[in-house]
Amino acid sequence: MIIRTSAFDHPDAVKLNDQVQLEYAERYGGEGDETRLDPAMFLPPRGLYLITYDDRERPVATGGWRSMDANGEGYADGDAELKRMYVIPEARGRGIARHVLALLEEDARAAGRTRMVLETGDRQPEAIALYASSGYEPCTKFGFYREYESSCCFAKQLRP
């Protein structure tokens, strides 16, 4: 497994993002996640985007974080928002997501962020289980989907 820092709009990131959007559409209907994301949001030191490759250099997973501060969508000062955590189906169950999550938390902490937050949906029990087992707790809803009943928001303090 090789994990590389990447641009959010790198062709491999776009490919995996397209795949996760299809999965969202399958699970929830519609066209996938409508949250607007700009590649600049993931540029260090205010964010980071990672792509994981297998031993044959195929992209198999992504994940990133972006800095967020208090605003009308429910974020708090010092938040780092986890985005686009995704592992292709044939690579699941190998601990890739947990490893990427730990790297993203470490980077956000080093960048001075104090809390990692994320939004997922009630039709993603695997994601909810990963986050709960990684120390995330339910929190007040925030972000684009905060008014949707199916939205589930979680947070974890990033301690120095």
N, C-alpha and C. Protein backbone atom coordinates (compact mmCIF):
# COMPACT_ATOMS: atom_id res chain seq x y z
N MET A 1 0.85 -1.17 0.00
CA MET A 1 0.00 0.00 0.00
C MET A 1 0.89 1.24 0.00
N ILE A 2 0.62 2.15 -0.91
CA ILE A 2 1.36 3.41 -1.02
C ILE A 2 0.36 4.54 -0.87
N ILE A 3 0.62 5.46 0.03
CA ILE A 3 -0.28 6.60 0.24
C ILE A 3 0.47 7.85 -0.18
N ARG A 4 -0.14 8.62 -1.07
CA ARG A 4 0.49 9.83 -1.59
C ARG A 4 -0.41 11.04 -1.37
N THR A 5 0.23 12.16 -1.03
CA THR A 5 -0.47 13.43 -1.02
C THR A 5 -0.79 13.78 -2.46
N SER A 6 -1.99 14.29 -2.68
CA SER A 6 -2.44 14.55 -4.04
C SER A 6 -3.31 15.80 -4.08
N ALA A 7 -3.53 16.27 -5.28
CA ALA A 7 -4.51 17.33 -5.49
C ALA A 7 -5.90 16.70 -5.56
N PHE A 8 -6.89 17.40 -5.09
CA PHE A 8 -8.26 16.92 -5.13
C PHE A 8 -8.74 16.70 -6.56
N ASP A 9 -8.15 17.43 -7.50
CA ASP A 9 -8.56 17.29 -8.89
C ASP A 9 -7.58 16.46 -9.73
N HIS A 10 -6.69 15.71 -9.07
CA HIS A 10 -5.80 14.78 -9.77
C HIS A 10 -6.69 13.74 -10.49
N PRO A 11 -6.30 13.27 -11.66
CA PRO A 11 -7.14 12.30 -12.39
C PRO A 11 -7.52 11.05 -11.58
N ASP A 12 -6.63 10.55 -10.74
CA ASP A 12 -6.97 9.38 -9.93
C ASP A 12 -8.00 9.75 -8.86
N ALA A 13 -7.88 10.94 -8.31
CA ALA A 13 -8.86 11.40 -7.32
C ALA A 13 -10.23 11.58 -7.98
N VAL A 14 -10.24 12.14 -9.18
CA VAL A 14 -11.49 12.34 -9.91
C VAL A 14 -12.15 10.99 -10.20
N LYS A 15 -11.34 10.02 -10.61
CA LYS A 15 -11.85 8.68 -10.91
C LYS A 15 -12.52 8.06 -9.68
N LEU A 16 -11.83 8.12 -8.53
CA LEU A 16 -12.40 7.55 -7.32
C LEU A 16 -13.59 8.36 -6.81
N ASN A 17 -13.55 9.67 -6.99
CA ASN A 17 -14.68 10.50 -6.60
C ASN A 17 -15.92 10.13 -7.43
N ASP A 18 -15.72 9.90 -8.72
CA ASP A 18 -16.84 9.47 -9.57
C ASP A 18 -17.42 8.15 -9.06
N GLN A 19 -16.56 7.25 -8.61
CA GLN A 19 -17.03 5.96 -8.10
C GLN A 19 -17.82 6.12 -6.81
N VAL A 20 -17.33 6.97 -5.91
CA VAL A 20 -18.06 7.15 -4.66
C VAL A 20 -19.39 7.86 -4.92
N GLN A 21 -19.43 8.75 -5.89
CA GLN A 21 -20.69 9.42 -6.21
C GLN A 21 -21.73 8.41 -6.70
N LEU A 22 -21.29 7.44 -7.50
CA LEU A 22 -22.20 6.38 -7.96
C LEU A 22 -22.71 5.56 -6.77
N GLU A 23 -21.83 5.30 -5.81
CA GLU A 23 -22.26 4.56 -4.62
C GLU A 23 -23.26 5.36 -3.81
N TYR A 24 -23.01 6.66 -3.65
CA TYR A 24 -23.97 7.51 -2.93
C TYR A 24 -25.33 7.49 -3.63
N ALA A 25 -25.33 7.61 -4.95
CA ALA A 25 -26.57 7.61 -5.72
C ALA A 25 -27.31 6.28 -5.55
N GLU A 26 -26.56 5.19 -5.52
CA GLU A 26 -27.16 3.87 -5.32
C GLU A 26 -27.80 3.76 -3.95
N ARG A 27 -27.10 4.25 -2.94
CA ARG A 27 -27.60 4.12 -1.56
C ARG A 27 -28.72 5.10 -1.22
N TYR A 28 -28.65 6.31 -1.79
CA TYR A 28 -29.59 7.35 -1.39
C TYR A 28 -30.51 7.84 -2.50
N GLY A 29 -30.25 7.42 -3.73
CA GLY A 29 -31.00 7.97 -4.85
C GLY A 29 -30.40 9.31 -5.23
N GLY A 30 -30.89 9.92 -6.25
CA GLY A 30 -30.38 11.22 -6.66
C GLY A 30 -29.07 11.11 -7.41
N GLU A 31 -28.30 12.16 -7.34
CA GLU A 31 -27.08 12.26 -8.14
C GLU A 31 -25.80 12.16 -7.33
N GLY A 32 -25.88 11.82 -6.07
CA GLY A 32 -24.68 11.75 -5.25
C GLY A 32 -24.59 12.95 -4.32
N ASP A 33 -23.44 13.17 -3.77
CA ASP A 33 -23.20 14.25 -2.82
C ASP A 33 -23.15 15.59 -3.55
N GLU A 34 -23.99 16.51 -3.12
CA GLU A 34 -24.06 17.82 -3.77
C GLU A 34 -23.22 18.89 -3.06
N THR A 35 -22.47 18.49 -2.03
CA THR A 35 -21.60 19.45 -1.34
C THR A 35 -20.58 20.00 -2.33
N ARG A 36 -20.49 21.32 -2.40
CA ARG A 36 -19.52 21.95 -3.31
C ARG A 36 -18.13 21.92 -2.69
N LEU A 37 -17.19 21.36 -3.45
CA LEU A 37 -15.81 21.27 -2.99
C LEU A 37 -14.90 21.87 -4.04
N ASP A 38 -13.98 22.71 -3.60
CA ASP A 38 -13.00 23.33 -4.47
C ASP A 38 -11.65 22.68 -4.17
N PRO A 39 -10.89 22.31 -5.21
CA PRO A 39 -9.58 21.69 -4.96
C PRO A 39 -8.69 22.51 -4.02
N ALA A 40 -8.82 23.83 -4.04
CA ALA A 40 -7.98 24.67 -3.18
C ALA A 40 -8.25 24.44 -1.69
N MET A 41 -9.43 23.91 -1.36
CA MET A 41 -9.77 23.65 0.04
C MET A 41 -8.86 22.60 0.67
N PHE A 42 -8.23 21.78 -0.15
CA PHE A 42 -7.42 20.67 0.35
C PHE A 42 -5.93 20.94 0.28
N LEU A 43 -5.56 22.18 0.00
CA LEU A 43 -4.14 22.52 -0.08
C LEU A 43 -3.56 22.77 1.31
N PRO A 44 -2.42 22.16 1.63
CA PRO A 44 -1.76 22.43 2.90
C PRO A 44 -1.41 23.92 3.01
N PRO A 45 -1.45 24.51 4.16
CA PRO A 45 -1.66 23.88 5.46
C PRO A 45 -3.12 23.88 5.91
N ARG A 46 -4.05 24.27 5.04
CA ARG A 46 -5.47 24.33 5.44
C ARG A 46 -6.26 23.10 5.03
N GLY A 47 -5.54 22.08 4.59
CA GLY A 47 -6.19 20.83 4.21
C GLY A 47 -5.17 19.85 3.68
N LEU A 48 -5.64 18.68 3.32
CA LEU A 48 -4.78 17.64 2.77
C LEU A 48 -5.66 16.63 2.06
N TYR A 49 -5.17 16.11 0.95
CA TYR A 49 -5.90 15.06 0.23
C TYR A 49 -4.93 13.93 -0.06
N LEU A 50 -5.37 12.71 0.23
CA LEU A 50 -4.53 11.52 0.06
C LEU A 50 -5.18 10.53 -0.90
N ILE A 51 -4.33 9.87 -1.68
CA ILE A 51 -4.77 8.76 -2.52
C ILE A 51 -3.92 7.56 -2.13
N THR A 52 -4.58 6.43 -1.94
CA THR A 52 -3.90 5.19 -1.63
C THR A 52 -3.86 4.33 -2.89
N TYR A 53 -2.68 3.76 -3.15
CA TYR A 53 -2.47 2.89 -4.31
C TYR A 53 -2.12 1.50 -3.82
N ASP A 54 -2.53 0.48 -4.59
CA ASP A 54 -2.14 -0.88 -4.26
C ASP A 54 -0.74 -1.16 -4.82
N ASP A 55 -0.29 -2.39 -4.65
CA ASP A 55 1.07 -2.73 -5.09
C ASP A 55 1.25 -2.73 -6.61
N ARG A 56 0.14 -2.61 -7.34
CA ARG A 56 0.22 -2.51 -8.80
C ARG A 56 -0.02 -1.07 -9.28
N GLU A 57 0.04 -0.13 -8.31
CA GLU A 57 -0.12 1.30 -8.61
C GLU A 57 -1.54 1.68 -9.05
N ARG A 58 -2.53 0.87 -8.67
CA ARG A 58 -3.92 1.21 -8.94
C ARG A 58 -4.47 2.02 -7.78
N PRO A 59 -5.17 3.13 -8.05
CA PRO A 59 -5.76 3.90 -6.96
C PRO A 59 -6.92 3.12 -6.34
N VAL A 60 -6.87 2.95 -5.01
CA VAL A 60 -7.90 2.15 -4.34
C VAL A 60 -8.64 2.90 -3.23
N ALA A 61 -8.15 4.06 -2.82
CA ALA A 61 -8.80 4.77 -1.72
C ALA A 61 -8.42 6.25 -1.74
N THR A 62 -9.30 7.06 -1.18
CA THR A 62 -9.03 8.49 -1.02
C THR A 62 -9.53 8.94 0.34
N GLY A 63 -9.11 10.11 0.72
CA GLY A 63 -9.59 10.78 1.92
C GLY A 63 -8.90 12.12 2.05
N GLY A 64 -9.62 13.07 2.60
CA GLY A 64 -9.03 14.39 2.78
C GLY A 64 -9.67 15.12 3.94
N TRP A 65 -9.06 16.24 4.28
CA TRP A 65 -9.66 17.13 5.27
C TRP A 65 -9.48 18.56 4.77
N ARG A 66 -10.41 19.41 5.20
CA ARG A 66 -10.35 20.84 4.88
C ARG A 66 -10.65 21.64 6.14
N SER A 67 -10.01 22.80 6.27
CA SER A 67 -10.24 23.68 7.41
C SER A 67 -11.62 24.31 7.31
N MET A 68 -12.29 24.34 8.42
CA MET A 68 -13.58 25.01 8.52
C MET A 68 -13.58 25.79 9.83
N ASP A 69 -14.25 26.91 9.83
CA ASP A 69 -14.41 27.70 11.04
C ASP A 69 -15.87 28.06 11.20
N ALA A 70 -16.21 28.68 12.31
CA ALA A 70 -17.61 29.00 12.62
C ALA A 70 -18.27 29.71 11.45
N ASN A 71 -19.45 29.21 11.09
CA ASN A 71 -20.24 29.83 10.03
C ASN A 71 -21.70 29.43 10.20
N GLY A 72 -22.53 29.85 9.29
CA GLY A 72 -23.96 29.59 9.36
C GLY A 72 -24.36 28.15 9.12
N GLU A 73 -23.40 27.29 8.77
CA GLU A 73 -23.72 25.88 8.53
C GLU A 73 -23.41 24.99 9.74
N GLY A 74 -23.05 25.60 10.87
CA GLY A 74 -22.87 24.83 12.10
C GLY A 74 -21.46 24.40 12.43
N TYR A 75 -20.49 24.83 11.67
CA TYR A 75 -19.10 24.49 11.99
C TYR A 75 -18.63 25.36 13.16
N ALA A 76 -17.56 24.93 13.83
CA ALA A 76 -16.97 25.69 14.94
C ALA A 76 -15.54 26.08 14.56
N ASP A 77 -15.05 27.14 15.16
CA ASP A 77 -13.66 27.53 14.92
C ASP A 77 -12.74 26.37 15.25
N GLY A 78 -11.77 26.13 14.38
CA GLY A 78 -10.80 25.07 14.59
C GLY A 78 -11.17 23.73 14.01
N ASP A 79 -12.34 23.65 13.36
CA ASP A 79 -12.75 22.37 12.78
C ASP A 79 -11.92 21.98 11.57
N ALA A 80 -11.69 20.70 11.43
CA ALA A 80 -11.15 20.08 10.23
C ALA A 80 -12.24 19.12 9.77
N GLU A 81 -12.71 19.29 8.56
CA GLU A 81 -13.80 18.43 8.08
C GLU A 81 -13.25 17.33 7.20
N LEU A 82 -13.57 16.11 7.55
CA LEU A 82 -13.19 14.94 6.78
C LEU A 82 -14.09 14.86 5.54
N LYS A 83 -13.47 14.65 4.37
CA LYS A 83 -14.23 14.56 3.12
C LYS A 83 -13.70 13.43 2.26
N ARG A 84 -14.61 12.84 1.52
CA ARG A 84 -14.32 11.86 0.47
C ARG A 84 -13.50 10.66 0.91
N MET A 85 -13.80 10.20 2.13
CA MET A 85 -13.22 8.92 2.56
C MET A 85 -13.89 7.84 1.72
N TYR A 86 -13.08 7.10 0.98
CA TYR A 86 -13.64 6.08 0.11
C TYR A 86 -12.60 5.01 -0.18
N VAL A 87 -13.04 3.76 -0.12
CA VAL A 87 -12.21 2.62 -0.49
C VAL A 87 -13.03 1.82 -1.50
N ILE A 88 -12.40 1.47 -2.62
CA ILE A 88 -13.12 0.69 -3.63
C ILE A 88 -13.55 -0.64 -3.01
N PRO A 89 -14.68 -1.19 -3.45
CA PRO A 89 -15.22 -2.41 -2.82
C PRO A 89 -14.22 -3.56 -2.71
N GLU A 90 -13.44 -3.81 -3.76
CA GLU A 90 -12.53 -4.95 -3.71
C GLU A 90 -11.34 -4.76 -2.78
N ALA A 91 -11.14 -3.56 -2.25
CA ALA A 91 -10.03 -3.31 -1.32
C ALA A 91 -10.50 -3.11 0.12
N ARG A 92 -11.79 -3.25 0.35
CA ARG A 92 -12.32 -3.04 1.70
C ARG A 92 -11.95 -4.19 2.63
N GLY A 93 -11.97 -3.89 3.92
CA GLY A 93 -11.69 -4.90 4.93
C GLY A 93 -10.22 -5.13 5.20
N ARG A 94 -9.36 -4.26 4.68
CA ARG A 94 -7.91 -4.42 4.87
C ARG A 94 -7.32 -3.36 5.80
N GLY A 95 -8.16 -2.51 6.38
CA GLY A 95 -7.66 -1.48 7.29
C GLY A 95 -7.18 -0.22 6.59
N ILE A 96 -7.43 -0.09 5.30
CA ILE A 96 -6.96 1.08 4.55
C ILE A 96 -7.62 2.36 5.07
N ALA A 97 -8.94 2.35 5.21
CA ALA A 97 -9.65 3.55 5.67
C ALA A 97 -9.18 3.98 7.05
N ARG A 98 -8.98 3.02 7.94
CA ARG A 98 -8.52 3.35 9.30
C ARG A 98 -7.13 3.98 9.27
N HIS A 99 -6.25 3.48 8.40
CA HIS A 99 -4.91 4.04 8.28
C HIS A 99 -4.96 5.46 7.70
N VAL A 100 -5.73 5.65 6.65
CA VAL A 100 -5.87 6.99 6.05
C VAL A 100 -6.48 7.95 7.06
N LEU A 101 -7.49 7.52 7.79
CA LEU A 101 -8.12 8.36 8.81
C LEU A 101 -7.09 8.82 9.85
N ALA A 102 -6.26 7.92 10.31
CA ALA A 102 -5.23 8.28 11.30
C ALA A 102 -4.25 9.30 10.73
N LEU A 103 -3.84 9.14 9.48
CA LEU A 103 -2.93 10.11 8.86
C LEU A 103 -3.58 11.48 8.73
N LEU A 104 -4.85 11.50 8.36
CA LEU A 104 -5.56 12.78 8.21
C LEU A 104 -5.72 13.47 9.56
N GLU A 105 -6.04 12.71 10.59
CA GLU A 105 -6.16 13.29 11.93
C GLU A 105 -4.82 13.88 12.38
N GLU A 106 -3.76 13.14 12.17
CA GLU A 106 -2.42 13.60 12.56
C GLU A 106 -2.05 14.90 11.83
N ASP A 107 -2.34 14.96 10.55
CA ASP A 107 -2.01 16.15 9.77
C ASP A 107 -2.85 17.35 10.21
N ALA A 108 -4.14 17.14 10.44
CA ALA A 108 -5.01 18.24 10.88
C ALA A 108 -4.56 18.76 12.25
N ARG A 109 -4.19 17.85 13.13
CA ARG A 109 -3.69 18.24 14.46
C ARG A 109 -2.43 19.08 14.32
N ALA A 110 -1.51 18.64 13.47
CA ALA A 110 -0.25 19.37 13.25
C ALA A 110 -0.51 20.74 12.64
N ALA A 111 -1.59 20.88 11.90
CA ALA A 111 -1.95 22.17 11.29
C ALA A 111 -2.68 23.08 12.27
N GLY A 112 -2.87 22.63 13.50
CA GLY A 112 -3.51 23.46 14.52
C GLY A 112 -5.01 23.31 14.62
N ARG A 113 -5.59 22.37 13.90
CA ARG A 113 -7.03 22.13 14.00
C ARG A 113 -7.31 21.42 15.31
N THR A 114 -8.45 21.71 15.93
CA THR A 114 -8.74 21.18 17.26
C THR A 114 -9.82 20.10 17.29
N ARG A 115 -10.57 19.99 16.19
CA ARG A 115 -11.65 19.00 16.16
C ARG A 115 -11.82 18.50 14.73
N MET A 116 -11.92 17.19 14.57
CA MET A 116 -12.22 16.60 13.26
C MET A 116 -13.72 16.31 13.25
N VAL A 117 -14.37 16.77 12.20
CA VAL A 117 -15.81 16.54 12.05
C VAL A 117 -16.07 15.85 10.73
N LEU A 118 -17.19 15.16 10.66
CA LEU A 118 -17.56 14.51 9.41
C LEU A 118 -19.07 14.32 9.37
N GLU A 119 -19.55 14.23 8.15
CA GLU A 119 -20.95 13.94 7.91
C GLU A 119 -21.02 12.71 7.03
N THR A 120 -21.86 11.78 7.42
CA THR A 120 -22.12 10.59 6.61
C THR A 120 -23.62 10.36 6.63
N GLY A 121 -24.04 9.27 6.08
CA GLY A 121 -25.48 9.02 6.03
C GLY A 121 -25.85 7.73 6.72
N ASP A 122 -27.12 7.61 7.07
CA ASP A 122 -27.59 6.44 7.80
C ASP A 122 -27.59 5.17 6.96
N ARG A 123 -27.34 5.28 5.66
CA ARG A 123 -27.26 4.10 4.80
C ARG A 123 -25.80 3.69 4.54
N GLN A 124 -24.91 4.15 5.42
CA GLN A 124 -23.49 3.80 5.34
C GLN A 124 -23.04 3.24 6.69
N PRO A 125 -23.61 2.09 7.08
CA PRO A 125 -23.27 1.55 8.40
C PRO A 125 -21.80 1.21 8.57
N GLU A 126 -21.12 0.86 7.47
CA GLU A 126 -19.69 0.55 7.56
C GLU A 126 -18.90 1.78 7.97
N ALA A 127 -19.26 2.93 7.39
CA ALA A 127 -18.58 4.19 7.73
C ALA A 127 -18.87 4.56 9.18
N ILE A 128 -20.12 4.45 9.58
CA ILE A 128 -20.49 4.79 10.96
C ILE A 128 -19.71 3.90 11.94
N ALA A 129 -19.59 2.62 11.64
CA ALA A 129 -18.85 1.71 12.52
C ALA A 129 -17.37 2.09 12.59
N LEU A 130 -16.77 2.44 11.45
CA LEU A 130 -15.37 2.86 11.45
C LEU A 130 -15.18 4.08 12.34
N TYR A 131 -16.01 5.09 12.15
CA TYR A 131 -15.84 6.32 12.92
C TYR A 131 -16.09 6.10 14.41
N ALA A 132 -17.14 5.34 14.75
CA ALA A 132 -17.43 5.08 16.17
C ALA A 132 -16.27 4.32 16.82
N SER A 133 -15.69 3.36 16.11
CA SER A 133 -14.58 2.58 16.68
C SER A 133 -13.27 3.37 16.70
N SER A 134 -13.27 4.53 16.03
CA SER A 134 -12.08 5.39 16.00
C SER A 134 -12.21 6.59 16.95
N GLY A 135 -13.23 6.57 17.81
CA GLY A 135 -13.37 7.61 18.82
C GLY A 135 -14.27 8.77 18.45
N TYR A 136 -14.99 8.67 17.35
CA TYR A 136 -15.91 9.74 16.94
C TYR A 136 -17.24 9.56 17.66
N GLU A 137 -17.83 10.69 18.04
CA GLU A 137 -19.11 10.68 18.73
C GLU A 137 -20.11 11.54 17.97
N PRO A 138 -21.40 11.18 18.05
CA PRO A 138 -22.41 12.02 17.37
C PRO A 138 -22.32 13.46 17.87
N CYS A 139 -22.57 14.39 16.97
CA CYS A 139 -22.52 15.81 17.33
C CYS A 139 -23.67 16.54 16.64
N THR A 140 -23.82 17.81 16.96
CA THR A 140 -24.84 18.64 16.33
C THR A 140 -24.60 18.64 14.83
N LYS A 141 -25.68 18.53 14.08
CA LYS A 141 -25.54 18.47 12.62
C LYS A 141 -25.00 19.78 12.06
N PHE A 142 -24.24 19.66 10.99
CA PHE A 142 -23.62 20.80 10.33
C PHE A 142 -23.56 20.51 8.83
N GLY A 143 -23.17 21.50 8.06
CA GLY A 143 -22.89 21.30 6.64
C GLY A 143 -24.11 21.28 5.75
N PHE A 144 -23.88 20.94 4.51
CA PHE A 144 -24.90 20.98 3.45
C PHE A 144 -26.12 20.13 3.79
N TYR A 145 -25.93 18.97 4.39
CA TYR A 145 -27.03 18.03 4.64
C TYR A 145 -27.57 18.09 6.07
N ARG A 146 -27.27 19.15 6.80
CA ARG A 146 -27.64 19.23 8.22
C ARG A 146 -29.14 19.13 8.47
N GLU A 147 -29.96 19.46 7.49
CA GLU A 147 -31.41 19.41 7.69
C GLU A 147 -32.03 18.11 7.18
N TYR A 148 -31.21 17.20 6.67
CA TYR A 148 -31.70 15.92 6.18
C TYR A 148 -31.78 14.92 7.33
N GLU A 149 -32.87 14.20 7.40
CA GLU A 149 -33.04 13.20 8.46
C GLU A 149 -31.99 12.10 8.36
N SER A 150 -31.58 11.74 7.16
CA SER A 150 -30.61 10.65 6.96
C SER A 150 -29.17 11.05 7.28
N SER A 151 -28.92 12.33 7.53
CA SER A 151 -27.57 12.82 7.82
C SER A 151 -27.16 12.44 9.24
N CYS A 152 -25.92 11.98 9.37
CA CYS A 152 -25.34 11.63 10.66
C CYS A 152 -24.01 12.37 10.79
N CYS A 153 -23.87 13.21 11.80
CA CYS A 153 -22.64 13.98 11.99
C CYS A 153 -21.90 13.49 13.23
N PHE A 154 -20.58 13.47 13.10
CA PHE A 154 -19.71 12.99 14.17
C PHE A 154 -18.54 13.94 14.35
N ALA A 155 -17.95 13.91 15.55
CA ALA A 155 -16.80 14.76 15.86
C ALA A 155 -15.85 14.02 16.79
N LYS A 156 -14.59 14.43 16.71
CA LYS A 156 -13.55 13.89 17.60
C LYS A 156 -12.58 15.02 17.91
N GLN A 157 -12.30 15.21 19.18
CA GLN A 157 -11.32 16.22 19.57
C GLN A 157 -9.93 15.76 19.13
N LEU A 158 -9.17 16.69 18.58
CA LEU A 158 -7.80 16.40 18.17
C LEU A 158 -6.88 16.93 19.25
N ARG A 159 -6.46 16.07 20.11
CA ARG A 159 -5.61 16.45 21.24
C ARG A 159 -4.14 16.49 20.81
N PRO A 160 -3.40 17.49 21.34
CA PRO A 160 -1.96 17.54 21.00
C PRO A 160 -1.20 16.34 21.53
